[in-house]
């Protein structure tokens, strides 16, 4: 019989972990300390696996069932939900550490001590004013040229031709290749 919110709220911890089954492999694991963890048991490539779906009440019964359905769709498509989660986490981590803004700020920190103060201030201000708002923290260095080209083509950016050329030059110092404008 499927779980209900009332049953989940009223369950008391016991001396051993307690499994309360919902349906289609989803269950709530109640620990002796009172923690309530959503888990999904499934089989992939002939092996039994368990996927954590979150902690109750942070993840409601409805949310846990939605996550279970998403995982089951991945299984139906021949993908392991746990491996998919790891790949997504890795991709988020890569985006955070290899973003255009992070790389630019590292480059700036490396070269700024060799420049006059007004020159280094002007360079970082150009990036902060003219480039970061358009590319953002998530843009990859490889896509820099595409973003700058669209930035230069859109007059609402309000950049003069000389500023556009200066921005293009600054980005080229970071290793971005640019198509001709």
Protein backbone atom coordinates (compact mmCIF):
# COMPACT_ATOMS: atom_id res chain seq x y z
CA UNK A 1 0.00 0.00 0.00
CA UNK A 2 1.44 3.43 -0.95
CA UNK A 3 2.64 5.79 1.75
CA UNK A 4 0.69 8.84 2.87
CA UNK A 5 1.92 12.12 4.33
CA UNK A 6 0.12 11.35 7.58
CA UNK A 7 1.86 8.01 8.00
CA UNK A 8 5.26 9.57 7.22
CA UNK A 9 4.78 12.36 9.76
CA UNK A 10 3.63 10.05 12.54
CA UNK A 11 6.24 7.29 12.16
CA UNK A 12 8.54 6.98 15.16
CA UNK A 13 12.16 5.77 14.95
CA UNK A 14 13.01 2.33 16.29
CA UNK A 15 16.25 0.75 17.44
CA UNK A 16 16.95 -0.59 13.93
CA UNK A 17 16.55 1.16 10.56
CA UNK A 18 12.99 0.87 9.29
CA UNK A 19 11.99 0.61 5.61
CA UNK A 20 8.55 1.96 4.67
CA UNK A 21 7.75 0.91 1.11
CA UNK A 22 5.84 3.21 -1.21
CA UNK A 23 5.68 1.74 -4.72
CA UNK A 24 7.85 0.97 -7.74
CA UNK A 25 11.03 0.63 -5.69
CA UNK A 26 10.66 3.85 -3.67
CA UNK A 27 10.85 3.62 0.10
CA UNK A 28 11.47 5.78 3.14
CA UNK A 29 14.34 4.68 5.38
CA UNK A 30 13.79 5.79 8.98
CA UNK A 31 17.03 5.70 10.97
CA UNK A 32 17.26 5.11 14.74
CA UNK A 33 18.22 8.78 15.18
CA UNK A 34 15.00 9.90 13.48
CA UNK A 35 16.32 10.75 10.01
CA UNK A 36 13.97 9.99 7.13
CA UNK A 37 15.69 9.28 3.81
CA UNK A 38 14.00 8.63 0.47
CA UNK A 39 15.65 5.77 -1.40
CA UNK A 40 15.00 4.00 -4.68
CA UNK A 41 16.03 0.38 -5.25
CA UNK A 42 16.54 -0.65 -8.87
CA UNK A 43 18.44 -3.10 -11.01
CA UNK A 44 20.86 -2.07 -13.73
CA UNK A 45 22.97 -4.51 -15.74
CA UNK A 46 21.88 -7.32 -13.45
CA UNK A 47 23.06 -5.56 -10.28
CA UNK A 48 20.94 -4.23 -7.44
CA UNK A 49 21.51 -0.54 -6.79
CA UNK A 50 20.13 2.08 -4.42
CA UNK A 51 19.73 5.76 -5.26
CA UNK A 52 19.19 8.41 -2.59
CA UNK A 53 16.31 10.77 -3.42
CA UNK A 54 16.67 13.25 -0.56
CA UNK A 55 15.63 13.78 3.04
CA UNK A 56 12.07 14.11 4.29
CA UNK A 57 10.62 16.79 4.85
CA UNK A 58 12.99 18.69 2.49
CA UNK A 59 11.80 16.36 -0.26
CA UNK A 60 8.07 15.79 -0.01
CA UNK A 61 6.29 12.56 -0.92
CA UNK A 62 5.21 14.07 -4.24
CA UNK A 63 8.75 15.25 -5.06
CA UNK A 64 10.18 11.83 -4.17
CA UNK A 65 7.70 10.16 -6.50
CA UNK A 66 8.57 12.63 -9.28
CA UNK A 67 12.27 11.88 -8.82
CA UNK A 68 11.51 8.15 -8.85
CA UNK A 69 9.59 8.54 -12.13
CA UNK A 70 12.49 10.48 -13.66
CA UNK A 71 14.93 7.75 -12.60
CA UNK A 72 12.66 5.05 -14.03
CA UNK A 73 12.53 6.91 -17.37
CA UNK A 74 16.33 6.93 -17.45
CA UNK A 75 16.32 3.19 -16.75
CA UNK A 76 13.83 2.65 -19.58
CA UNK A 77 16.21 4.56 -21.88
CA UNK A 78 19.07 2.26 -20.85
CA UNK A 79 20.87 4.74 -18.59
CA UNK A 80 21.92 4.24 -14.98
CA UNK A 81 20.36 7.04 -12.86
CA UNK A 82 23.29 7.04 -10.42
CA UNK A 83 25.84 7.44 -13.25
CA UNK A 84 23.67 10.13 -14.82
CA UNK A 85 23.63 12.03 -11.51
CA UNK A 86 27.43 11.75 -11.24
CA UNK A 87 27.87 13.04 -14.79
CA UNK A 88 25.60 16.02 -14.13
CA UNK A 89 27.43 16.84 -10.91
CA UNK A 90 30.77 16.64 -12.70
CA UNK A 91 29.51 18.88 -15.49
CA UNK A 92 28.31 21.49 -12.97
CA UNK A 93 31.67 21.38 -11.24
CA UNK A 94 33.52 21.78 -14.56
CA UNK A 95 31.34 24.74 -15.53
CA UNK A 96 32.03 26.42 -12.20
CA UNK A 97 35.81 25.97 -12.38
CA UNK A 98 36.27 26.49 -16.14
CA UNK A 99 33.90 29.39 -16.68
CA UNK A 100 35.00 32.36 -18.74
CA UNK A 101 34.80 34.70 -15.75
CA UNK A 102 36.87 32.46 -13.46
CA UNK A 103 39.58 31.99 -16.09
CA UNK A 104 39.58 35.72 -16.87
CA UNK A 105 39.95 36.67 -13.22
CA UNK A 106 42.84 34.18 -12.81
CA UNK A 107 44.52 35.64 -15.88
CA UNK A 108 43.98 39.16 -14.53
CA UNK A 109 45.40 38.26 -11.10
CA UNK A 110 48.48 36.83 -12.78
CA UNK A 111 49.17 39.83 -15.02
CA UNK A 112 47.84 42.82 -13.01
CA UNK A 113 50.98 43.23 -10.86
CA UNK A 114 52.99 43.92 -14.04
CA UNK A 115 50.68 46.74 -15.20
CA UNK A 116 50.20 50.29 -14.07
CA UNK A 117 47.32 50.60 -11.61
CA UNK A 118 45.10 52.70 -13.91
CA UNK A 119 45.70 50.25 -16.78
CA UNK A 120 44.80 47.18 -14.71
CA UNK A 121 41.70 48.95 -13.33
CA UNK A 122 40.57 49.80 -16.87
CA UNK A 123 41.02 46.21 -18.08
CA UNK A 124 39.00 44.61 -15.28
CA UNK A 125 36.34 47.31 -15.55
CA UNK A 126 35.95 46.54 -19.27
CA UNK A 127 35.46 42.86 -18.54
CA UNK A 128 33.02 43.56 -15.71
CA UNK A 129 31.06 46.18 -17.64
CA UNK A 130 31.17 44.92 -21.24
CA UNK A 131 31.75 41.15 -21.19
CA UNK A 132 30.76 39.36 -17.97
CA UNK A 133 27.12 40.55 -18.07
CA UNK A 134 26.77 39.07 -21.57
CA UNK A 135 28.72 35.86 -21.15
CA UNK A 136 28.07 35.42 -17.45
CA UNK A 137 29.80 33.03 -15.11
CA UNK A 138 28.70 29.96 -17.04
CA UNK A 139 30.14 30.74 -20.47
CA UNK A 140 32.98 28.49 -21.54
CA UNK A 141 36.17 29.94 -22.91
CA UNK A 142 35.58 28.15 -26.21
CA UNK A 143 32.29 30.00 -26.80
CA UNK A 144 33.79 33.40 -26.06
CA UNK A 145 34.14 34.32 -29.73
CA UNK A 146 30.49 33.59 -30.45
CA UNK A 147 29.35 35.69 -27.51
CA UNK A 148 31.60 38.62 -28.38
CA UNK A 149 30.52 38.54 -32.02
CA UNK A 150 26.85 38.68 -31.02
CA UNK A 151 27.68 41.39 -28.48
CA UNK A 152 29.33 43.47 -31.19
CA UNK A 153 26.48 42.90 -33.65
CA UNK A 154 23.79 43.98 -31.21
CA UNK A 155 23.72 47.75 -31.00
CA UNK A 156 21.76 47.63 -27.76
CA UNK A 157 25.02 46.70 -26.09
CA UNK A 158 25.97 50.33 -26.59
CA UNK A 159 29.59 49.61 -27.42
CA UNK A 160 31.48 51.84 -29.77
CA UNK A 161 33.62 50.29 -32.51
CA UNK A 162 36.80 51.12 -30.59
CA UNK A 163 35.46 49.52 -27.40
CA UNK A 164 34.39 46.45 -29.36
CA UNK A 165 37.91 46.15 -30.80
CA UNK A 166 39.44 46.57 -27.34
CA UNK A 167 37.14 43.91 -25.90
CA UNK A 168 38.00 41.63 -28.81
CA UNK A 169 41.70 42.19 -28.15
CA UNK A 170 41.37 41.52 -24.41
CA UNK A 171 39.54 38.27 -25.08
CA UNK A 172 42.14 37.23 -27.63
CA UNK A 173 44.77 37.49 -24.88
CA UNK A 174 42.80 34.74 -23.09
CA UNK A 175 43.07 32.46 -26.10
CA UNK A 176 39.69 33.02 -27.73
CA UNK A 177 39.80 32.75 -31.50
CA UNK A 178 37.53 35.23 -33.24
CA UNK A 179 35.81 35.05 -36.60
CA UNK A 180 36.05 38.23 -38.60
CA UNK A 181 33.30 40.75 -37.87
